Structures are given as C-alpha cells and as structure tokens.
C-alpha cells in the first residue's frame, strides 16, 4: 500500500440543475495531458454566499462574473444571471475594500446556475519598505518577502515608484481543507509549463499585495525579482520534497499557472517571483472526473451540504483533505486524483462526519451513483407555504435562513417550499419570507432546528417593503430613478470616528462602473448632522463631482442592518474634469447592508 498521502481536489463546482435525477455528463472537465480550450463560452448563472474570516456574512462585496457585476446583500448573498463564461473554467471575482480579492473557479453547465461559497481574507500590513533601497518584511504568520532596490513600479501605468511600499501579506494553510476551499482562489486546477491541465497539491501558499502611500497598487518592475520564503505547514513538513513547482494564480482566466521552482530550506520554501498576487508551492498531478449524488433515507437530495474527500486510512486533519458542496439536486462533482484510494465524508456544518463512503479511482472517470446514508440526527427539512398580500400563493420568492452558520436561500415554488440539508443539533436560526413580485416580506422570525421535519406553517410575505430606490436630477434635467431589486442598491455604514455611510448603485445592466455612488459623514442616526463632498457617477464629466462647500444630507430614517436608510440632499457641485457647475437633487431609501 502506498503510505504517502497524495493530493486530491474536489473544487467548488455546485451547479443548480433541474429536479430530475438523470445521470449527468460533465464533459467540461479536462483530463490529464489535455490543454483546456478556454475560448468556448456558454451562458449560465451563478449565485452564492460570501463571508468574512469569522464566517459572518460580508455585505457590500462586489462580485464580477464575465461582463456583469453585482454586490452582496445583508446576508452575503449574490446572484448574477445570463452571463457568458468559459465552459472549462468559469469564475467570479469578489472584491471589497480592506480585503484581498478572492476568485471562485468552476465548470459551467449551459443555462444552469452554479452555487459557490467564499471567505474573504482581511489584508494585514507586514511592514513598509523603501522602494529605492529595497528591504525585507516578515508577516506575523511567517511569510518573508525581500524587495529589490529600485524595483517597484505603479501597477496601472508602469511608472517608477520611489516612495514607501506597504506590504500586505497573508499565509493560507494548505493543510486546512476549509481554509483552502474558501480562501485560496480558483479550484486548485492549473496549467503547467506545457499548458496541460493539472491538479495541484500545495505545501505552502500566500497572498501578497504592494501599495503606495496613496493606496495605489504597485508591482515588481520588469527585469526585477523579489525573494519569498514560505513556511511549510506543520502537517505537511514530513512529506515536503526538496524542490517544488512554483505556481501563481492567473486572475485573467481563473486557473493557476506554473512559473518556476521553489527550493526547501529548513522549514521554508524559497523562490524568486516577478510579480505579486497569490502564490503556491505545489505539485501538479493527473486527475479524473468524479460524480456522486447524495440523498437522505427517503430519497430527498441533500442541498449545499459539505462533502469532504480524503486519502484512505488518513485522518481528516492530516493536511490532505478537500471539500465541496452538493448542488440543489444533491450532486457533487469535480476532479480527483487518479489511481488512488479515497474516502468521501458527508459533513455537518459542525465539521463532523455524518456518513462515510470509501472508493478507489483508476485512470478513467468514476461515478459513485446515488449515495444514501443514515444521517440520523443531523438531517433537517424546512418546509411550509407562503402567501402574498392578497393571500394568494407566492409564485416568485424565497425563504432566507441566516445566523449561526445556517445561511440558505430557498426558492418558493407555487406557494410552497421545501429544503433538506444538514445542521448541528439545536441550532437557532432566523428566517424571512420574501415575495419578489410585490417586494414585500415577513418580519424576521426565529426557529430552533430539530431533526426531521421543521414545518414553518403558513407564512404571509406582506407588511414590510423590500424596495430600495434612489432618484436624482442634474441641472434640472430628467429625473433618473433606480430601484432595487431591478437595479443593485446598497447602503453601508462604517463606524469610524463620526462614522461614514456609503451608498452604491449599479444599474440593471450590472455595469462595472457605479451609476451613482456617494458617501456622507455622521453617525447612524436620523438628523441633519451629515455632510457630503463627492458623488461618483457616469452622468458627470470625468464620472465625478465635488462640492467646495459640503452639502447637508438630511436623514429621516437610519435603520439597523436589514432596515433602511432614507434621506435627501441637494446643492451645487463641480464636475471633476472641467469644473462645470452641476446642480443636483437626490432622494434615497436604501437597504442597510451591515
């Protein structure tokens, strides 16, 4: 028996398909010694949840897929429809100020919806280096970076930079399956030096970003290189080889790219790099297709439950496990190591195994069929009916469950809903029922989950408006009105000093440039003690206007997260590019996202 534990991958490829149970073909997965054709595009949808490192929902994160963009709501949820993506490697980019960008890569099924989860890493400054003299910084988690003298340029235009270089670094532990699955970008597939698709086994990984004193992005100058020392995870140290392939994440196609070699020195790997983003010391291995469907004892599909795969006879925490999530019909699929004995574990949200299934791969695709396990006290079903304000069945709506790690978006079909998944025992969650057709919802309600059926009874999605709206007029012209959920609108409060509130709008085309974006100072209370100095909009010359004399923002409502921020402002501003007079009037009622 092979005692060396080899790597596997089961990327987050969670495609929400129809409720049928037919066998699925996943021709999009490219086997070993194949060069992926990334030019083949299909139209599909993508949705998911984004959290911070404490697993709290991250509101206001910008999510881009293809040429479309949206922002996460107060539950960290996002959805993008009818977007053209690479069939072999579709991906989303998630960005929020103060965090490293994250990327989720997946196989795309035409006209279907893919579901993902991602966790955002907060940037941490490891130190400051003089761009002229160069220097070394070491992060608190052990990543050491040495920048060359006169070796930094501005990322946007390549101009030489001579000021302070702020180095943000975060280590990602490859032995932590959840951390890798949710924070390491991509889906652990990459192309080697011959452009063949490989499955990566990482021994050390990190994210790094260089910024200037004004916050501008910086990069290593052409012809220069930085030296990186990356500590090996303790769980992997005894198996770490003398040399490893060096891989960087390609932000343009969502795959990793082999770019050199790293050499083991003590408990670290040392390498030289020509740019900064995400880097990993890894080995690329052959892969095969994997498919399975997970149901409960009555045949109901388990939805969005975590599935972990490890090498046989090795514990889950030995540093080699990977996990994914089932889709809305209970399917999980992806790429795994060929010719390897593996174990599939169905996990609860508490990271305990509810069911195990051993299997062995060869050099051909493997389909485990339908897995029916005795999941006991961990299986919960949430069901009920929902009516609208006319007491008719809701035909276009959803149930949102939230808090204590139980975040799910459950569609309402012809007035009814049913969801079967796994939960920790005695978990208390909150939920709301939303009627998208009338933009009405229930008040938030709580529920302590019990094993088996949790019948929520008859809900009435009525009484609370879900509509956010912003209207504005420039120079007495036509009034433009943007309304959520058709347009993407969100308000975000930052409690720093006197506080700042940002209102962000994207029109229904989900353009990447905000249609109307402004920020005002003041606490999260109603009143006239709020001031505004700038508005960013595609309607202004230079896409920006500023107020030499700050405008007063009158706030009539400042709700808590999930509530609304209502107010108005008006006055004279100047176009940023030509100082032209811009007489604006703006009224808004936006949902507070945090």
Foldseek 3Di string as FASTA:
>chain_A
DDPDFDFKFFAAAAWADDQDQDDDDLVLEDFWPDFHDQPDKAWEKEKEAEEEPVRQGDWQKWKDWAQFIFTAFLRRIDMDGGHIGGQNWTKMWTDDPQWAIAMGIYHDDHHIYGYDYAYTYGWDFQDKAFQQCWAWGARPVGKIKTAHHQWKAFPPPLHGDGGIKTKTKDWQALLDQVSCRHGPHFRQWAAEPVNTIFHKDFFIKMFMWIAGPVRTTMWTHPPTKMKIKTFGHPLCQVVDDQKFFKWDADPVRRHIYTDGMWGDDPRITMDIDRTGGMMTGIHTATKEKEKEFEDEPVRAGAAFWKKKKTFPPDDSSSSRIHIYTYYNNRMGMDITHAFGKMKIFGAAPVRDGQDIDIDGHHSYHDYPYYDYDHSPWFKEKEKEFEAEPVRAGQAFWWKFKDDPSPTDTWTQHRGMTMHIHTYDAQDKIKMKIARPVQQFIDDIDIDGTTGYYDYPYYHYRHDHGNKKKKWKDKPPDDIDMAIPPLKHWEWEWDPDDQIKIKIFTDHNSNGPFTQKIWMWGGHLDFAFPIWTFKIAHPVAVVRIKGDPDTWTWGWPDRDDQQAKTWIWTWDWIAGPPPGDIITMIMTIIHGYSD
